[in-house]
Protein backbone atom coordinates (compact mmCIF):
# COMPACT_ATOMS: atom_id res chain seq x y z
CA UNK A 1 3.54 25.53 21.42
CA UNK A 2 4.31 25.52 25.13
CA UNK A 3 5.27 21.83 25.34
CA UNK A 4 7.11 19.55 22.96
CA UNK A 5 4.74 17.24 21.16
CA UNK A 6 5.56 13.52 21.15
CA UNK A 7 3.81 13.27 17.77
CA UNK A 8 5.85 15.89 15.97
CA UNK A 9 4.98 19.54 16.22
CA UNK A 10 4.54 19.90 12.46
CA UNK A 11 1.96 17.08 12.46
CA UNK A 12 0.02 18.78 15.26
CA UNK A 13 0.01 22.03 13.27
CA UNK A 14 -1.02 20.19 10.09
CA UNK A 15 -3.91 18.59 11.96
CA UNK A 16 -5.04 21.97 13.34
CA UNK A 17 -4.94 23.51 9.86
CA UNK A 18 -6.77 20.49 8.39
CA UNK A 19 -9.51 20.89 11.01
CA UNK A 20 -9.82 24.62 10.24
CA UNK A 21 -10.15 23.87 6.52
CA UNK A 22 -12.74 21.15 7.10
CA UNK A 23 -14.77 23.45 9.36
CA UNK A 24 -14.62 26.17 6.74
CA UNK A 25 -12.74 28.64 8.92
CA UNK A 26 -10.01 29.32 6.37
CA UNK A 27 -11.76 28.47 3.14
CA UNK A 28 -10.78 31.58 1.20
CA UNK A 29 -7.24 32.08 2.46
CA UNK A 30 -4.64 30.59 4.74
CA UNK A 31 -2.86 32.69 7.33
CA UNK A 32 0.64 33.78 6.30
CA UNK A 33 3.60 31.65 7.36
CA UNK A 34 4.61 34.47 9.75
CA UNK A 35 1.15 34.43 11.35
CA UNK A 36 1.29 30.65 11.74
CA UNK A 37 4.77 30.91 13.26
CA UNK A 38 3.48 33.39 15.86
CA UNK A 39 0.26 31.57 16.66
CA UNK A 40 1.97 28.19 17.13
CA UNK A 41 5.25 29.50 18.57
CA UNK A 42 7.41 27.63 16.07
CA UNK A 43 9.93 28.38 13.32
CA UNK A 44 9.32 28.72 9.60
CA UNK A 45 10.63 25.22 8.79
CA UNK A 46 8.09 23.63 11.14
CA UNK A 47 5.26 25.59 9.53
CA UNK A 48 6.48 24.62 6.05
CA UNK A 49 6.65 20.93 7.00
CA UNK A 50 3.03 21.13 8.17
CA UNK A 51 2.00 22.80 4.92
CA UNK A 52 3.84 20.15 2.88
CA UNK A 53 1.83 17.44 4.66
CA UNK A 54 -1.38 19.19 3.61
CA UNK A 55 -0.02 19.68 0.08
CA UNK A 56 0.51 15.93 -0.30
CA UNK A 57 -3.07 15.42 0.89
CA UNK A 58 -4.28 17.81 -1.81
CA UNK A 59 -5.73 20.35 0.65
CA UNK A 60 -3.37 23.27 0.01
CA UNK A 61 -1.08 24.28 -2.82
CA UNK A 62 1.91 26.52 -3.14
CA UNK A 63 1.33 29.50 -5.41
CA UNK A 64 4.63 31.05 -6.54
CA UNK A 65 4.78 34.70 -5.59
CA UNK A 66 1.64 34.40 -3.45
CA UNK A 67 2.39 31.78 -0.81
CA UNK A 68 0.08 28.97 0.24
CA UNK A 69 -3.60 28.77 -0.61
CA UNK A 70 -6.46 26.35 -0.30
CA UNK A 71 -6.33 23.90 -3.21
CA UNK A 72 -8.82 24.59 -5.98
CA UNK A 73 -11.77 22.25 -6.28
CA UNK A 74 -13.39 20.85 -3.18
CA UNK A 75 -13.15 17.25 -4.40
CA UNK A 76 -9.63 17.44 -5.77
CA UNK A 77 -7.86 14.14 -5.44
CA UNK A 78 -4.64 14.11 -3.48
CA UNK A 79 -1.28 13.29 -4.99
CA UNK A 80 -1.21 10.14 -2.86
CA UNK A 81 -4.50 8.93 -4.37
CA UNK A 82 -3.36 9.73 -7.90
CA UNK A 83 0.00 8.00 -7.42
CA UNK A 84 -1.68 4.93 -5.97
CA UNK A 85 -4.00 4.84 -8.99
CA UNK A 86 -0.92 4.54 -11.26
CA UNK A 87 -0.80 0.85 -10.37
CA UNK A 88 -4.26 0.23 -11.88
CA UNK A 89 -3.97 2.82 -14.68
CA UNK A 90 -0.69 1.31 -15.93
CA UNK A 91 -1.96 -2.27 -15.36
CA UNK A 92 0.92 -3.04 -13.02
CA UNK A 93 1.12 -6.36 -11.18
CA UNK A 94 3.04 -7.42 -8.10
CA UNK A 95 6.74 -7.39 -8.96
CA UNK A 96 6.43 -4.91 -11.83
CA UNK A 97 8.62 -1.80 -11.78
CA UNK A 98 6.89 1.39 -10.55
CA UNK A 99 7.60 4.61 -12.52
CA UNK A 100 10.67 6.64 -11.54
CA UNK A 101 10.54 9.80 -9.44
CA UNK A 102 11.35 11.90 -12.51
CA UNK A 103 8.50 10.37 -14.54
CA UNK A 104 6.05 10.84 -11.64
CA UNK A 105 7.08 14.51 -11.23
CA UNK A 106 6.45 15.08 -14.92
CA UNK A 107 3.19 13.10 -14.98
CA UNK A 108 1.63 14.93 -12.02
CA UNK A 109 3.37 18.29 -12.22
CA UNK A 110 4.55 17.81 -8.64
CA UNK A 111 7.82 18.59 -6.91
CA UNK A 112 10.32 15.83 -6.28
CA UNK A 113 9.90 16.40 -2.54
CA UNK A 114 6.12 15.84 -2.73
CA UNK A 115 6.59 12.73 -4.89
CA UNK A 116 9.20 11.33 -2.49
CA UNK A 117 6.88 11.86 0.49
CA UNK A 118 4.09 9.91 -1.21
CA UNK A 119 6.49 7.16 -2.31
CA UNK A 120 7.65 6.79 1.30
CA UNK A 121 4.01 6.63 2.40
CA UNK A 122 3.27 3.98 -0.23
CA UNK A 123 6.27 1.94 0.93
CA UNK A 124 5.12 2.29 4.53
CA UNK A 125 1.66 1.05 3.52
CA UNK A 126 3.23 -2.00 1.87
CA UNK A 127 2.30 -1.08 -1.72
CA UNK A 128 5.86 -0.55 -2.97
CA UNK A 129 9.27 -2.03 -2.26
CA UNK A 130 12.63 -0.45 -3.05
CA UNK A 131 15.34 -2.63 -4.50
CA UNK A 132 18.73 -0.94 -4.29
CA UNK A 133 20.00 -0.19 -7.78
CA UNK A 134 16.75 -1.25 -9.46
CA UNK A 135 14.20 1.27 -8.22
CA UNK A 136 10.77 0.62 -6.81
CA UNK A 137 8.53 -2.33 -7.57
CA UNK A 138 4.90 -3.05 -6.81
CA UNK A 139 4.73 -5.12 -3.64
CA UNK A 140 0.93 -5.34 -3.25
CA UNK A 141 -2.15 -4.17 -5.12
CA UNK A 142 -4.18 -1.40 -3.50
CA UNK A 143 -7.58 -2.25 -2.14
CA UNK A 144 -10.33 -0.59 -4.17
CA UNK A 145 -11.94 2.43 -2.56
CA UNK A 146 -15.47 3.61 -3.10
CA UNK A 147 -15.63 7.25 -4.19
CA UNK A 148 -18.84 9.24 -4.01
């Protein structure tokens, strides 16, 4: 990247990869991290942050020993959607405790880092509140979404 991005270089890279995936340009395989580093002129950590954004969205997944690949199933629901659905699935109301990070990792088979990213997103969206020493509680109920 020739110029610093005010938005965050990793977000710009994530958006470019997302667009490639949506257009079908990388449907079978993603470029290697080294190739992405060269093409975007950034370091490995920046590339990995971009890939983690797409992982949370359910577009790519890490395959141990292989690297990153396009997530299986075209209509796979993202971790963020599944974690938001916990509120309805567990019949939680405003003020109720939200499950712990450890329980969410076990429930979804996700890394603690991925779970923490979604929890931060949910807090930013006003769905959860963190009470020091008590964990997270439901702050608002999600608005229902229509799924095809």
